[in-house]
Amino acid sequence: MNEEWIRLSEENKELPPWRPTRESCTPFAGIELDNSEDTPLTEIISVMDEIQKDLMEEERNILARYDENLKFEEASLCAAINCLRTDDFVLCPVCKRNALHQNKQVIFCACGLRIDTEYDAV
């Protein structure tokens, strides 16, 4: 890293010379920023700040959508459990998904099962 910094400082005279200190490990250590907008480093930092803000906003939106989906799935699961808790219907023994319905002496399911109990006295 020392060699790279020395090579870069030789190419660009605006960079300070490399002095390995404990503070040199922090970003932009030893570099004095003037407040003029003409400084490329200031422009880069402002662009990076905007990118960081955009990424944080996108992360918040993703988390909000995730929470909405989680609440919807939880509500759907609770509704399905409440529907299954009632003893008002019997599940079809063939498809094991739909409820059996009765119309007079005929018991039927949406899957196509049809049992005519008129003559069987079931």
PDB file of N, CA and C in Angstrom:
ATOM      1  N   MET A   1       0.816  -1.174   0.000  1.00  0.00           N
ATOM      2  CA  MET A   1       0.000   0.000   0.000  1.00  0.00           C
ATOM      3  C   MET A   1       0.871   1.254   0.000  1.00  0.00           C
ATOM      4  N   ASN A   2       1.973   1.176   0.704  1.00  0.00           N
ATOM      5  CA  ASN A   2       2.893   2.322   0.727  1.00  0.00           C
ATOM      6  C   ASN A   2       3.397   2.633  -0.670  1.00  0.00           C
ATOM      7  N   GLU A   3       3.773   1.606  -1.399  1.00  0.00           N
ATOM      8  CA  GLU A   3       4.310   1.800  -2.743  1.00  0.00           C
ATOM      9  C   GLU A   3       3.253   2.396  -3.672  1.00  0.00           C
ATOM     10  N   GLU A   4       2.014   1.916  -3.542  1.00  0.00           N
ATOM     11  CA  GLU A   4       0.945   2.453  -4.379  1.00  0.00           C
ATOM     12  C   GLU A   4       0.720   3.932  -4.097  1.00  0.00           C
ATOM     13  N   TRP A   5       0.703   4.297  -2.806  1.00  0.00           N
ATOM     14  CA  TRP A   5       0.473   5.694  -2.447  1.00  0.00           C
ATOM     15  C   TRP A   5       1.618   6.577  -2.944  1.00  0.00           C
ATOM     16  N   ILE A   6       2.832   6.073  -2.822  1.00  0.00           N
ATOM     17  CA  ILE A   6       3.985   6.851  -3.294  1.00  0.00           C
ATOM     18  C   ILE A   6       3.883   7.055  -4.802  1.00  0.00           C
ATOM     19  N   ARG A   7       3.518   5.998  -5.535  1.00  0.00           N
ATOM     20  CA  ARG A   7       3.387   6.106  -6.984  1.00  0.00           C
ATOM     21  C   ARG A   7       2.263   7.084  -7.349  1.00  0.00           C
ATOM     22  N   LEU A   8       1.123   6.999  -6.656  1.00  0.00           N
ATOM     23  CA  LEU A   8       0.018   7.912  -6.931  1.00  0.00           C
ATOM     24  C   LEU A   8       0.373   9.351  -6.578  1.00  0.00           C
ATOM     25  N   SER A   9       1.086   9.549  -5.469  1.00  0.00           N
ATOM     26  CA  SER A   9       1.446  10.919  -5.073  1.00  0.00           C
ATOM     27  C   SER A   9       2.459  11.522  -6.036  1.00  0.00           C
ATOM     28  N   GLU A  10       3.297  10.676  -6.657  1.00  0.00           N
ATOM     29  CA  GLU A  10       4.218  11.199  -7.664  1.00  0.00           C
ATOM     30  C   GLU A  10       3.463  11.627  -8.917  1.00  0.00           C
ATOM     31  N   GLU A  11       2.400  10.874  -9.268  1.00  0.00           N
ATOM     32  CA  GLU A  11       1.620  11.222 -10.443  1.00  0.00           C
ATOM     33  C   GLU A  11       0.747  12.446 -10.203  1.00  0.00           C
ATOM     34  N   ASN A  12       0.180  12.530  -9.031  1.00  0.00           N
ATOM     35  CA  ASN A  12      -0.728  13.623  -8.703  1.00  0.00           C
ATOM     36  C   ASN A  12      -0.109  14.429  -7.568  1.00  0.00           C
ATOM     37  N   LYS A  13       0.331  15.610  -7.856  1.00  0.00           N
ATOM     38  CA  LYS A  13       1.045  16.430  -6.869  1.00  0.00           C
ATOM     39  C   LYS A  13       0.117  16.998  -5.796  1.00  0.00           C
ATOM     40  N   GLU A  14      -1.208  16.909  -5.979  1.00  0.00           N
ATOM     41  CA  GLU A  14      -2.143  17.433  -4.980  1.00  0.00           C
ATOM     42  C   GLU A  14      -2.254  16.511  -3.779  1.00  0.00           C
ATOM     43  N   LEU A  15      -1.882  15.259  -3.934  1.00  0.00           N
ATOM     44  CA  LEU A  15      -1.964  14.308  -2.827  1.00  0.00           C
ATOM     45  C   LEU A  15      -0.844  14.565  -1.829  1.00  0.00           C
ATOM     46  N   PRO A  16      -1.147  14.454  -0.539  1.00  0.00           N
ATOM     47  CA  PRO A  16      -0.086  14.648   0.459  1.00  0.00           C
ATOM     48  C   PRO A  16       0.865  13.447   0.455  1.00  0.00           C
ATOM     49  N   PRO A  17       2.086  13.643   0.920  1.00  0.00           N
ATOM     50  CA  PRO A  17       3.008  12.514   0.985  1.00  0.00           C
ATOM     51  C   PRO A  17       2.531  11.501   2.024  1.00  0.00           C
ATOM     52  N   TRP A  18       2.914  10.278   1.808  1.00  0.00           N
ATOM     53  CA  TRP A  18       2.478   9.182   2.696  1.00  0.00           C
ATOM     54  C   TRP A  18       3.277   9.225   3.986  1.00  0.00           C
ATOM     55  N   ARG A  19       2.522   9.276   5.105  1.00  0.00           N
ATOM     56  CA  ARG A  19       3.114   9.188   6.429  1.00  0.00           C
ATOM     57  C   ARG A  19       2.331   8.142   7.195  1.00  0.00           C
ATOM     58  N   PRO A  20       2.899   6.958   7.341  1.00  0.00           N
ATOM     59  CA  PRO A  20       2.138   5.899   8.021  1.00  0.00           C
ATOM     60  C   PRO A  20       1.951   6.220   9.498  1.00  0.00           C
ATOM     61  N   THR A  21       0.734   6.598   9.850  1.00  0.00           N
ATOM     62  CA  THR A  21       0.367   6.838  11.242  1.00  0.00           C
ATOM     63  C   THR A  21      -0.925   6.114  11.518  1.00  0.00           C
ATOM     64  N   ARG A  22      -1.336   6.153  12.763  1.00  0.00           N
ATOM     65  CA  ARG A  22      -2.583   5.494  13.133  1.00  0.00           C
ATOM     66  C   ARG A  22      -3.770   6.174  12.465  1.00  0.00           C
ATOM     67  N   GLU A  23      -3.727   7.506  12.301  1.00  0.00           N
ATOM     68  CA  GLU A  23      -4.821   8.220  11.666  1.00  0.00           C
ATOM     69  C   GLU A  23      -4.889   7.973  10.168  1.00  0.00           C
ATOM     70  N   SER A  24      -3.797   7.479   9.581  1.00  0.00           N
ATOM     71  CA  SER A  24      -3.797   7.282   8.137  1.00  0.00           C
ATOM     72  C   SER A  24      -4.711   6.145   7.709  1.00  0.00           C
ATOM     73  N   CYS A  25      -5.191   5.370   8.649  1.00  0.00           N
ATOM     74  CA  CYS A  25      -6.102   4.277   8.316  1.00  0.00           C
ATOM     75  C   CYS A  25      -7.529   4.758   8.120  1.00  0.00           C
ATOM     76  N   THR A  26      -7.844   5.970   8.549  1.00  0.00           N
ATOM     77  CA  THR A  26      -9.196   6.484   8.366  1.00  0.00           C
ATOM     78  C   THR A  26      -9.337   7.034   6.955  1.00  0.00           C
ATOM     79  N   PRO A  27     -10.554   6.997   6.404  1.00  0.00           N
ATOM     80  CA  PRO A  27     -10.738   7.495   5.039  1.00  0.00           C
ATOM     81  C   PRO A  27     -10.406   8.975   4.933  1.00  0.00           C
ATOM     82  N   PHE A  28      -9.709   9.336   3.890  1.00  0.00           N
ATOM     83  CA  PHE A  28      -9.342  10.718   3.594  1.00  0.00           C
ATOM     84  C   PHE A  28      -8.509  11.358   4.696  1.00  0.00           C
ATOM     85  N   ALA A  29      -7.720  10.566   5.427  1.00  0.00           N
ATOM     86  CA  ALA A  29      -6.885  11.123   6.499  1.00  0.00           C
ATOM     87  C   ALA A  29      -5.779  11.962   5.888  1.00  0.00           C
ATOM     88  N   GLY A  30      -5.554  13.107   6.449  1.00  0.00           N
ATOM     89  CA  GLY A  30      -4.480  13.971   5.992  1.00  0.00           C
ATOM     90  C   GLY A  30      -4.821  14.791   4.769  1.00  0.00           C
ATOM     91  N   ILE A  31      -5.983  14.640   4.199  1.00  0.00           N
ATOM     92  CA  ILE A  31      -6.372  15.392   3.018  1.00  0.00           C
ATOM     93  C   ILE A  31      -7.259  16.534   3.463  1.00  0.00           C
ATOM     94  N   GLU A  32      -6.830  17.725   3.173  1.00  0.00           N
ATOM     95  CA  GLU A  32      -7.607  18.905   3.525  1.00  0.00           C
ATOM     96  C   GLU A  32      -8.586  19.202   2.394  1.00  0.00           C
ATOM     97  N   LEU A  33      -9.842  19.357   2.733  1.00  0.00           N
ATOM     98  CA  LEU A  33     -10.856  19.663   1.730  1.00  0.00           C
ATOM     99  C   LEU A  33     -11.198  21.149   1.813  1.00  0.00           C
ATOM    100  N   ASP A  34     -11.154  21.806   0.711  1.00  0.00           N
ATOM    101  CA  ASP A  34     -11.678  23.160   0.701  1.00  0.00           C
ATOM    102  C   ASP A  34     -13.158  23.081   0.361  1.00  0.00           C
ATOM    103  N   ASN A  35     -13.899  24.057   0.704  1.00  0.00           N
ATOM    104  CA  ASN A  35     -15.350  24.018   0.552  1.00  0.00           C
ATOM    105  C   ASN A  35     -15.819  24.446  -0.829  1.00  0.00           C
ATOM    106  N   SER A  36     -14.910  24.636  -1.750  1.00  0.00           N
ATOM    107  CA  SER A  36     -15.344  25.024  -3.088  1.00  0.00           C
ATOM    108  C   SER A  36     -15.907  23.821  -3.820  1.00  0.00           C
ATOM    109  N   GLU A  37     -16.855  24.068  -4.681  1.00  0.00           N
ATOM    110  CA  GLU A  37     -17.507  22.992  -5.430  1.00  0.00           C
ATOM    111  C   GLU A  37     -16.650  22.507  -6.595  1.00  0.00           C
ATOM    112  N   ASP A  38     -15.518  23.164  -6.841  1.00  0.00           N
ATOM    113  CA  ASP A  38     -14.665  22.779  -7.954  1.00  0.00           C
ATOM    114  C   ASP A  38     -13.800  21.563  -7.627  1.00  0.00           C
ATOM    115  N   THR A  39     -13.718  21.212  -6.374  1.00  0.00           N
ATOM    116  CA  THR A  39     -12.877  20.097  -5.972  1.00  0.00           C
ATOM    117  C   THR A  39     -13.525  18.779  -6.397  1.00  0.00           C
ATOM    118  N   PRO A  40     -12.835  17.985  -7.167  1.00  0.00           N
ATOM    119  CA  PRO A  40     -13.410  16.699  -7.609  1.00  0.00           C
ATOM    120  C   PRO A  40     -13.729  15.771  -6.439  1.00  0.00           C
ATOM    121  N   LEU A  41     -12.920  15.839  -5.401  1.00  0.00           N
ATOM    122  CA  LEU A  41     -13.149  14.977  -4.244  1.00  0.00           C
ATOM    123  C   LEU A  41     -14.449  15.346  -3.542  1.00  0.00           C
ATOM    124  N   THR A  42     -14.741  16.631  -3.447  1.00  0.00           N
ATOM    125  CA  THR A  42     -15.992  17.073  -2.839  1.00  0.00           C
ATOM    126  C   THR A  42     -17.185  16.612  -3.664  1.00  0.00           C
ATOM    127  N   GLU A  43     -17.039  16.686  -4.974  1.00  0.00           N
ATOM    128  CA  GLU A  43     -18.119  16.224  -5.843  1.00  0.00           C
ATOM    129  C   GLU A  43     -18.336  14.728  -5.691  1.00  0.00           C
ATOM    130  N   ILE A  44     -17.253  13.982  -5.609  1.00  0.00           N
ATOM    131  CA  ILE A  44     -17.364  12.527  -5.439  1.00  0.00           C
ATOM    132  C   ILE A  44     -18.038  12.193  -4.128  1.00  0.00           C
ATOM    133  N   ILE A  45     -17.663  12.887  -3.068  1.00  0.00           N
ATOM    134  CA  ILE A  45     -18.267  12.630  -1.754  1.00  0.00           C
ATOM    135  C   ILE A  45     -19.752  12.963  -1.770  1.00  0.00           C
ATOM    136  N   SER A  46     -20.127  14.054  -2.423  1.00  0.00           N
ATOM    137  CA  SER A  46     -21.553  14.412  -2.472  1.00  0.00           C
ATOM    138  C   SER A  46     -22.342  13.390  -3.279  1.00  0.00           C
ATOM    139  N   VAL A  47     -21.751  12.889  -4.378  1.00  0.00           N
ATOM    140  CA  VAL A  47     -22.424  11.849  -5.167  1.00  0.00           C
ATOM    141  C   VAL A  47     -22.558  10.571  -4.350  1.00  0.00           C
ATOM    142  N   MET A  48     -21.503  10.225  -3.622  1.00  0.00           N
ATOM    143  CA  MET A  48     -21.553   9.017  -2.780  1.00  0.00           C
ATOM    144  C   MET A  48     -22.617   9.163  -1.686  1.00  0.00           C
ATOM    145  N   ASP A  49     -22.746  10.362  -1.116  1.00  0.00           N
ATOM    146  CA  ASP A  49     -23.787  10.595  -0.110  1.00  0.00           C
ATOM    147  C   ASP A  49     -25.175  10.420  -0.709  1.00  0.00           C
ATOM    148  N   GLU A  50     -25.389  10.937  -1.919  1.00  0.00           N
ATOM    149  CA  GLU A  50     -26.680  10.769  -2.587  1.00  0.00           C
ATOM    150  C   GLU A  50     -26.976   9.299  -2.864  1.00  0.00           C
ATOM    151  N   ILE A  51     -25.946   8.583  -3.317  1.00  0.00           N
ATOM    152  CA  ILE A  51     -26.128   7.151  -3.581  1.00  0.00           C
ATOM    153  C   ILE A  51     -26.478   6.419  -2.296  1.00  0.00           C
ATOM    154  N   GLN A  52     -25.800   6.766  -1.215  1.00  0.00           N
ATOM    155  CA  GLN A  52     -26.079   6.122   0.069  1.00  0.00           C
ATOM    156  C   GLN A  52     -27.510   6.422   0.521  1.00  0.00           C
ATOM    157  N   LYS A  53     -27.963   7.651   0.363  1.00  0.00           N
ATOM    158  CA  LYS A  53     -29.337   7.996   0.737  1.00  0.00           C
ATOM    159  C   LYS A  53     -30.342   7.220  -0.109  1.00  0.00           C
ATOM    160  N   ASP A  54     -30.072   7.120  -1.418  1.00  0.00           N
ATOM    161  CA  ASP A  54     -30.966   6.364  -2.297  1.00  0.00           C
ATOM    162  C   ASP A  54     -31.015   4.891  -1.906  1.00  0.00           C
ATOM    163  N   LEU A  55     -29.863   4.334  -1.598  1.00  0.00           N
ATOM    164  CA  LEU A  55     -29.829   2.924  -1.191  1.00  0.00           C
ATOM    165  C   LEU A  55     -30.565   2.696   0.127  1.00  0.00           C
ATOM    166  N   MET A  56     -30.418   3.625   1.049  1.00  0.00           N
ATOM    167  CA  MET A  56     -31.124   3.492   2.330  1.00  0.00           C
ATOM    168  C   MET A  56     -32.633   3.603   2.128  1.00  0.00           C
ATOM    169  N   GLU A  57     -33.062   4.509   1.252  1.00  0.00           N
ATOM    170  CA  GLU A  57     -34.489   4.653   0.955  1.00  0.00           C
ATOM    171  C   GLU A  57     -35.021   3.387   0.278  1.00  0.00           C
ATOM    172  N   GLU A  58     -34.249   2.831  -0.649  1.00  0.00           N
ATOM    173  CA  GLU A  58     -34.660   1.594  -1.317  1.00  0.00           C
ATOM    174  C   GLU A  58     -34.742   0.439  -0.321  1.00  0.00           C
ATOM    175  N   GLU A  59     -33.798   0.399   0.614  1.00  0.00           N
ATOM    176  CA  GLU A  59     -33.839  -0.647   1.640  1.00  0.00           C
ATOM    177  C   GLU A  59     -35.087  -0.501   2.509  1.00  0.00           C
ATOM    178  N   ARG A  60     -35.430   0.733   2.870  1.00  0.00           N
ATOM    179  CA  ARG A  60     -36.652   0.960   3.659  1.00  0.00           C
ATOM    180  C   ARG A  60     -37.893   0.519   2.892  1.00  0.00           C
ATOM    181  N   ASN A  61     -37.929   0.814   1.588  1.00  0.00           N
ATOM    182  CA  ASN A  61     -39.075   0.398   0.772  1.00  0.00           C
ATOM    183  C   ASN A  61     -39.170  -1.115   0.676  1.00  0.00           C
ATOM    184  N   ILE A  62     -38.041  -1.779   0.498  1.00  0.00           N
ATOM    185  CA  ILE A  62     -38.046  -3.240   0.423  1.00  0.00           C
ATOM    186  C   ILE A  62     -38.517  -3.838   1.735  1.00  0.00           C
ATOM    187  N   LEU A  63     -38.042  -3.306   2.848  1.00  0.00           N
ATOM    188  CA  LEU A  63     -38.469  -3.816   4.153  1.00  0.00           C
ATOM    189  C   LEU A  63     -39.956  -3.558   4.394  1.00  0.00           C
ATOM    190  N   ALA A  64     -40.455  -2.420   3.936  1.00  0.00           N
ATOM    191  CA  ALA A  64     -41.883  -2.124   4.094  1.00  0.00           C
ATOM    192  C   ALA A  64     -42.721  -3.101   3.277  1.00  0.00           C
ATOM    193  N   ARG A  65     -42.291  -3.374   2.022  1.00  0.00           N
ATOM    194  CA  ARG A  65     -43.018  -4.355   1.204  1.00  0.00           C
ATOM    195  C   ARG A  65     -42.950  -5.751   1.819  1.00  0.00           C
ATOM    196  N   TYR A  66     -41.803  -6.097   2.389  1.00  0.00           N
ATOM    197  CA  TYR A  66     -41.656  -7.396   3.042  1.00  0.00           C
ATOM    198  C   TYR A  66     -42.614  -7.499   4.228  1.00  0.00           C
ATOM    199  N   ASP A  67     -42.712  -6.436   5.029  1.00  0.00           N
ATOM    200  CA  ASP A  67     -43.639  -6.439   6.163  1.00  0.00           C
ATOM    201  C   ASP A  67     -45.087  -6.573   5.697  1.00  0.00           C
ATOM    202  N   GLU A  68     -45.443  -5.875   4.618  1.00  0.00           N
ATOM    203  CA  GLU A  68     -46.803  -5.983   4.085  1.00  0.00           C
ATOM    204  C   GLU A  68     -47.096  -7.407   3.627  1.00  0.00           C
ATOM    205  N   ASN A  69     -46.156  -8.014   2.914  1.00  0.00           N
ATOM    206  CA  ASN A  69     -46.341  -9.397   2.456  1.00  0.00           C
ATOM    207  C   ASN A  69     -46.443 -10.352   3.628  1.00  0.00           C
ATOM    208  N   LEU A  70     -45.628 -10.119   4.654  1.00  0.00           N
ATOM    209  CA  LEU A  70     -45.658 -10.978   5.833  1.00  0.00           C
ATOM    210  C   LEU A  70     -47.000 -10.876   6.550  1.00  0.00           C
ATOM    211  N   LYS A  71     -47.529  -9.660   6.673  1.00  0.00           N
ATOM    212  CA  LYS A  71     -48.839  -9.474   7.312  1.00  0.00           C
ATOM    213  C   LYS A  71     -49.943 -10.120   6.487  1.00  0.00           C
ATOM    214  N   PHE A  72     -49.856  -9.994   5.145  1.00  0.00           N
ATOM    215  CA  PHE A  72     -50.860 -10.607   4.285  1.00  0.00           C
ATOM    216  C   PHE A  72     -50.827 -12.125   4.419  1.00  0.00           C
ATOM    217  N   GLU A  73     -49.630 -12.708   4.405  1.00  0.00           N
ATOM    218  CA  GLU A  73     -49.517 -14.161   4.542  1.00  0.00           C
ATOM    219  C   GLU A  73     -50.012 -14.630   5.904  1.00  0.00           C
ATOM    220  N   GLU A  74     -49.736 -13.863   6.942  1.00  0.00           N
ATOM    221  CA  GLU A  74     -50.197 -14.220   8.275  1.00  0.00           C
ATOM    222  C   GLU A  74     -51.725 -14.163   8.345  1.00  0.00           C
ATOM    223  N   ALA A  75     -52.306 -13.132   7.751  1.00  0.00           N
ATOM    224  CA  ALA A  75     -53.766 -13.023   7.730  1.00  0.00           C
ATOM    225  C   ALA A  75     -54.386 -14.164   6.932  1.00  0.00           C
ATOM    226  N   SER A  76     -53.761 -14.530   5.810  1.00  0.00           N
ATOM    227  CA  SER A  76     -54.265 -15.648   5.001  1.00  0.00           C
ATOM    228  C   SER A  76     -54.193 -16.954   5.779  1.00  0.00           C
ATOM    229  N   LEU A  77     -53.095 -17.163   6.467  1.00  0.00           N
ATOM    230  CA  LEU A  77     -52.935 -18.385   7.255  1.00  0.00           C
ATOM    231  C   LEU A  77     -53.949 -18.433   8.386  1.00  0.00           C
ATOM    232  N   CYS A  78     -54.149 -17.310   9.055  1.00  0.00           N
ATOM    233  CA  CYS A  78     -55.142 -17.274  10.144  1.00  0.00           C
ATOM    234  C   CYS A  78     -56.541 -17.542   9.599  1.00  0.00           C
ATOM    235  N   ALA A  79     -56.866 -16.988   8.441  1.00  0.00           N
ATOM    236  CA  ALA A  79     -58.181 -17.229   7.850  1.00  0.00           C
ATOM    237  C   ALA A  79     -58.349 -18.697   7.473  1.00  0.00           C
ATOM    238  N   ALA A  80     -57.301 -19.309   6.940  1.00  0.00           N
ATOM    239  CA  ALA A  80     -57.379 -20.725   6.580  1.00  0.00           C
ATOM    240  C   ALA A  80     -57.541 -21.596   7.814  1.00  0.00           C
ATOM    241  N   ILE A  81     -56.836 -21.249   8.872  1.00  0.00           N
ATOM    242  CA  ILE A  81     -56.954 -22.024  10.121  1.00  0.00           C
ATOM    243  C   ILE A  81     -58.343 -21.873  10.703  1.00  0.00           C
ATOM    244  N   ASN A  82     -58.881 -20.662  10.704  1.00  0.00           N
ATOM    245  CA  ASN A  82     -60.240 -20.454  11.220  1.00  0.00           C
ATOM    246  C   ASN A  82     -61.272 -21.191  10.370  1.00  0.00           C
ATOM    247  N   CYS A  83     -61.032 -21.232   9.071  1.00  0.00           N
ATOM    248  CA  CYS A  83     -61.950 -21.952   8.183  1.00  0.00           C
ATOM    249  C   CYS A  83     -61.914 -23.449   8.481  1.00  0.00           C
ATOM    250  N   LEU A  84     -60.744 -23.969   8.746  1.00  0.00           N
ATOM    251  CA  LEU A  84     -60.610 -25.400   9.018  1.00  0.00           C
ATOM    252  C   LEU A  84     -61.072 -25.775  10.424  1.00  0.00           C
ATOM    253  N   ARG A  85     -61.145 -24.803  11.323  1.00  0.00           N
ATOM    254  CA  ARG A  85     -61.554 -25.077  12.696  1.00  0.00           C
ATOM    255  C   ARG A  85     -63.034 -25.427  12.811  1.00  0.00           C
ATOM    256  N   THR A  86     -63.845 -24.897  11.942  1.00  0.00           N
ATOM    257  CA  THR A  86     -65.279 -25.130  12.049  1.00  0.00           C
ATOM    258  C   THR A  86     -65.606 -26.567  11.651  1.00  0.00           C
ATOM    259  N   ASP A  87     -66.640 -27.082  12.226  1.00  0.00           N
ATOM    260  CA  ASP A  87     -67.065 -28.449  11.938  1.00  0.00           C
ATOM    261  C   ASP A  87     -68.213 -28.463  10.938  1.00  0.00           C
ATOM    262  N   ASP A  88     -68.366 -27.414  10.151  1.00  0.00           N
ATOM    263  CA  ASP A  88     -69.473 -27.309   9.216  1.00  0.00           C
ATOM    264  C   ASP A  88     -69.272 -28.115   7.945  1.00  0.00           C
ATOM    265  N   PHE A  89     -68.087 -28.584   7.660  1.00  0.00           N
ATOM    266  CA  PHE A  89     -67.865 -29.304   6.416  1.00  0.00           C
ATOM    267  C   PHE A  89     -66.920 -30.479   6.651  1.00  0.00           C
ATOM    268  N   VAL A  90     -66.920 -31.350   5.668  1.00  0.00           N
ATOM    269  CA  VAL A  90     -66.050 -32.524   5.678  1.00  0.00           C
ATOM    270  C   VAL A  90     -65.162 -32.433   4.447  1.00  0.00           C
ATOM    271  N   LEU A  91     -63.867 -32.671   4.624  1.00  0.00           N
ATOM    272  CA  LEU A  91     -62.960 -32.641   3.484  1.00  0.00           C
ATOM    273  C   LEU A  91     -63.189 -33.846   2.590  1.00  0.00           C
ATOM    274  N   CYS A  92     -62.996 -33.622   1.305  1.00  0.00           N
ATOM    275  CA  CYS A  92     -63.152 -34.693   0.320  1.00  0.00           C
ATOM    276  C   CYS A  92     -62.061 -35.741   0.537  1.00  0.00           C
ATOM    277  N   PRO A  93     -62.412 -37.024   0.606  1.00  0.00           N
ATOM    278  CA  PRO A  93     -61.395 -38.056   0.817  1.00  0.00           C
ATOM    279  C   PRO A  93     -60.536 -38.309  -0.423  1.00  0.00           C
ATOM    280  N   VAL A  94     -60.965 -37.817  -1.592  1.00  0.00           N
ATOM    281  CA  VAL A  94     -60.207 -38.039  -2.825  1.00  0.00           C
ATOM    282  C   VAL A  94     -59.134 -36.965  -2.996  1.00  0.00           C
ATOM    283  N   CYS A  95     -59.538 -35.690  -3.035  1.00  0.00           N
ATOM    284  CA  CYS A  95     -58.569 -34.615  -3.286  1.00  0.00           C
ATOM    285  C   CYS A  95     -57.977 -34.052  -1.999  1.00  0.00           C
ATOM    286  N   LYS A  96     -58.661 -34.217  -0.879  1.00  0.00           N
ATOM    287  CA  LYS A  96     -58.220 -33.751   0.445  1.00  0.00           C
ATOM    288  C   LYS A  96     -57.944 -32.249   0.479  1.00  0.00           C
ATOM    289  N   ARG A  97     -58.623 -31.498  -0.404  1.00  0.00           N
ATOM    290  CA  ARG A  97     -58.482 -30.041  -0.415  1.00  0.00           C
ATOM    291  C   ARG A  97     -59.822 -29.337  -0.295  1.00  0.00           C
ATOM    292  N   ASN A  98     -60.823 -29.841  -0.988  1.00  0.00           N
ATOM    293  CA  ASN A  98     -62.118 -29.173  -1.057  1.00  0.00           C
ATOM    294  C   ASN A  98     -63.098 -29.792  -0.070  1.00  0.00           C
ATOM    295  N   ALA A  99     -64.105 -29.025   0.240  1.00  0.00           N
ATOM    296  CA  ALA A  99     -65.152 -29.515   1.137  1.00  0.00           C
ATOM    297  C   ALA A  99     -66.199 -30.280   0.332  1.00  0.00           C
ATOM    298  N   LEU A 100     -66.817 -31.263   0.979  1.00  0.00           N
ATOM    299  CA  LEU A 100     -67.924 -31.994   0.355  1.00  0.00           C
ATOM    300  C   LEU A 100     -69.198 -31.178   0.512  1.00  0.00           C
ATOM    301  N   HIS A 101     -70.024 -31.181  -0.520  1.00  0.00           N
ATOM    302  CA  HIS A 101     -71.303 -30.473  -0.500  1.00  0.00           C
ATOM    303  C   HIS A 101     -72.414 -31.489  -0.708  1.00  0.00           C
ATOM    304  N   GLN A 102     -73.596 -31.103  -0.239  1.00  0.00           N
ATOM    305  CA  GLN A 102     -74.732 -32.012  -0.391  1.00  0.00           C
ATOM    306  C   GLN A 102     -75.889 -31.246  -1.016  1.00  0.00           C
ATOM    307  N   ASN A 103     -76.492 -31.869  -2.035  1.00  0.00           N
ATOM    308  CA  ASN A 103     -77.691 -31.349  -2.669  1.00  0.00           C
ATOM    309  C   ASN A 103     -78.702 -32.486  -2.686  1.00  0.00           C
ATOM    310  N   LYS A 104     -79.655 -32.423  -1.785  1.00  0.00           N
ATOM    311  CA  LYS A 104     -80.652 -33.477  -1.569  1.00  0.00           C
ATOM    312  C   LYS A 104     -79.928 -34.778  -1.238  1.00  0.00           C
ATOM    313  N   GLN A 105     -79.963 -35.786  -2.104  1.00  0.00           N
ATOM    314  CA  GLN A 105     -79.324 -37.061  -1.798  1.00  0.00           C
ATOM    315  C   GLN A 105     -77.966 -37.219  -2.481  1.00  0.00           C
ATOM    316  N   VAL A 106     -77.451 -36.177  -3.090  1.00  0.00           N
ATOM    317  CA  VAL A 106     -76.187 -36.275  -3.807  1.00  0.00           C
ATOM    318  C   VAL A 106     -75.102 -35.524  -3.021  1.00  0.00           C
ATOM    319  N   ILE A 107     -74.011 -36.236  -2.747  1.00  0.00           N
ATOM    320  CA  ILE A 107     -72.845 -35.633  -2.118  1.00  0.00           C
ATOM    321  C   ILE A 107     -71.806 -35.462  -3.220  1.00  0.00           C
ATOM    322  N   PHE A 108     -71.227 -34.250  -3.335  1.00  0.00           N
ATOM    323  CA  PHE A 108     -70.288 -33.992  -4.422  1.00  0.00           C
ATOM    324  C   PHE A 108     -69.174 -33.071  -3.960  1.00  0.00           C
ATOM    325  N   CYS A 109     -68.122 -33.044  -4.785  1.00  0.00           N
ATOM    326  CA  CYS A 109     -66.943 -32.218  -4.504  1.00  0.00           C
ATOM    327  C   CYS A 109     -66.560 -31.497  -5.794  1.00  0.00           C
ATOM    328  N   ALA A 110     -65.814 -30.412  -5.654  1.00  0.00           N
ATOM    329  CA  ALA A 110     -65.361 -29.653  -6.816  1.00  0.00           C
ATOM    330  C   ALA A 110     -64.360 -30.436  -7.660  1.00  0.00           C
ATOM    331  N   CYS A 111     -63.737 -31.449  -7.090  1.00  0.00           N
ATOM    332  CA  CYS A 111     -62.760 -32.233  -7.842  1.00  0.00           C
ATOM    333  C   CYS A 111     -63.428 -33.225  -8.803  1.00  0.00           C
ATOM    334  N   GLY A 112     -64.744 -33.394  -8.688  1.00  0.00           N
ATOM    335  CA  GLY A 112     -65.450 -34.296  -9.596  1.00  0.00           C
ATOM    336  C   GLY A 112     -66.068 -35.496  -8.907  1.00  0.00           C
ATOM    337  N   LEU A 113     -65.802 -35.678  -7.634  1.00  0.00           N
ATOM    338  CA  LEU A 113     -66.394 -36.794  -6.895  1.00  0.00           C
ATOM    339  C   LEU A 113     -67.901 -36.575  -6.769  1.00  0.00           C
ATOM    340  N   ARG A 114     -68.676 -37.639  -7.020  1.00  0.00           N
ATOM    341  CA  ARG A 114     -70.137 -37.546  -6.922  1.00  0.00           C
ATOM    342  C   ARG A 114     -70.655 -38.855  -6.359  1.00  0.00           C
ATOM    343  N   ILE A 115     -71.357 -38.743  -5.245  1.00  0.00           N
ATOM    344  CA  ILE A 115     -71.931 -39.926  -4.605  1.00  0.00           C
ATOM    345  C   ILE A 115     -73.436 -39.710  -4.498  1.00  0.00           C
ATOM    346  N   ASP A 116     -74.200 -40.593  -5.148  1.00  0.00           N
ATOM    347  CA  ASP A 116     -75.657 -40.517  -5.094  1.00  0.00           C
ATOM    348  C   ASP A 116     -76.127 -41.460  -4.000  1.00  0.00           C
ATOM    349  N   THR A 117     -76.715 -40.909  -2.947  1.00  0.00           N
ATOM    350  CA  THR A 117     -77.119 -41.717  -1.792  1.00  0.00           C
ATOM    351  C   THR A 117     -78.619 -42.002  -1.771  1.00  0.00           C
ATOM    352  N   GLU A 118     -79.309 -41.724  -2.838  1.00  0.00           N
ATOM    353  CA  GLU A 118     -80.759 -41.910  -2.844  1.00  0.00           C
ATOM    354  C   GLU A 118     -81.148 -43.364  -2.615  1.00  0.00           C
ATOM    355  N   TYR A 119     -80.427 -44.279  -3.248  1.00  0.00           N
ATOM    356  CA  TYR A 119     -80.790 -45.679  -3.134  1.00  0.00           C
ATOM    357  C   TYR A 119     -79.993 -46.408  -2.060  1.00  0.00           C
ATOM    358  N   ASP A 120     -78.889 -45.814  -1.597  1.00  0.00           N
ATOM    359  CA  ASP A 120     -78.049 -46.487  -0.615  1.00  0.00           C
ATOM    360  C   ASP A 120     -78.505 -46.189   0.818  1.00  0.00           C
ATOM    361  N   ALA A 121     -79.299 -45.185   1.023  1.00  0.00           N
ATOM    362  CA  ALA A 121     -79.805 -44.786   2.334  1.00  0.00           C
ATOM    363  C   ALA A 121     -78.646 -44.479   3.288  1.00  0.00           C
ATOM    364  N   VAL A 122     -77.649 -43.749   2.785  1.00  0.00           N
ATOM    365  CA  VAL A 122     -76.503 -43.373   3.606  1.00  0.00           C
ATOM    366  C   VAL A 122     -76.853 -42.125   4.384  1.00  0.00           C
TER     367      VAL A 122
END
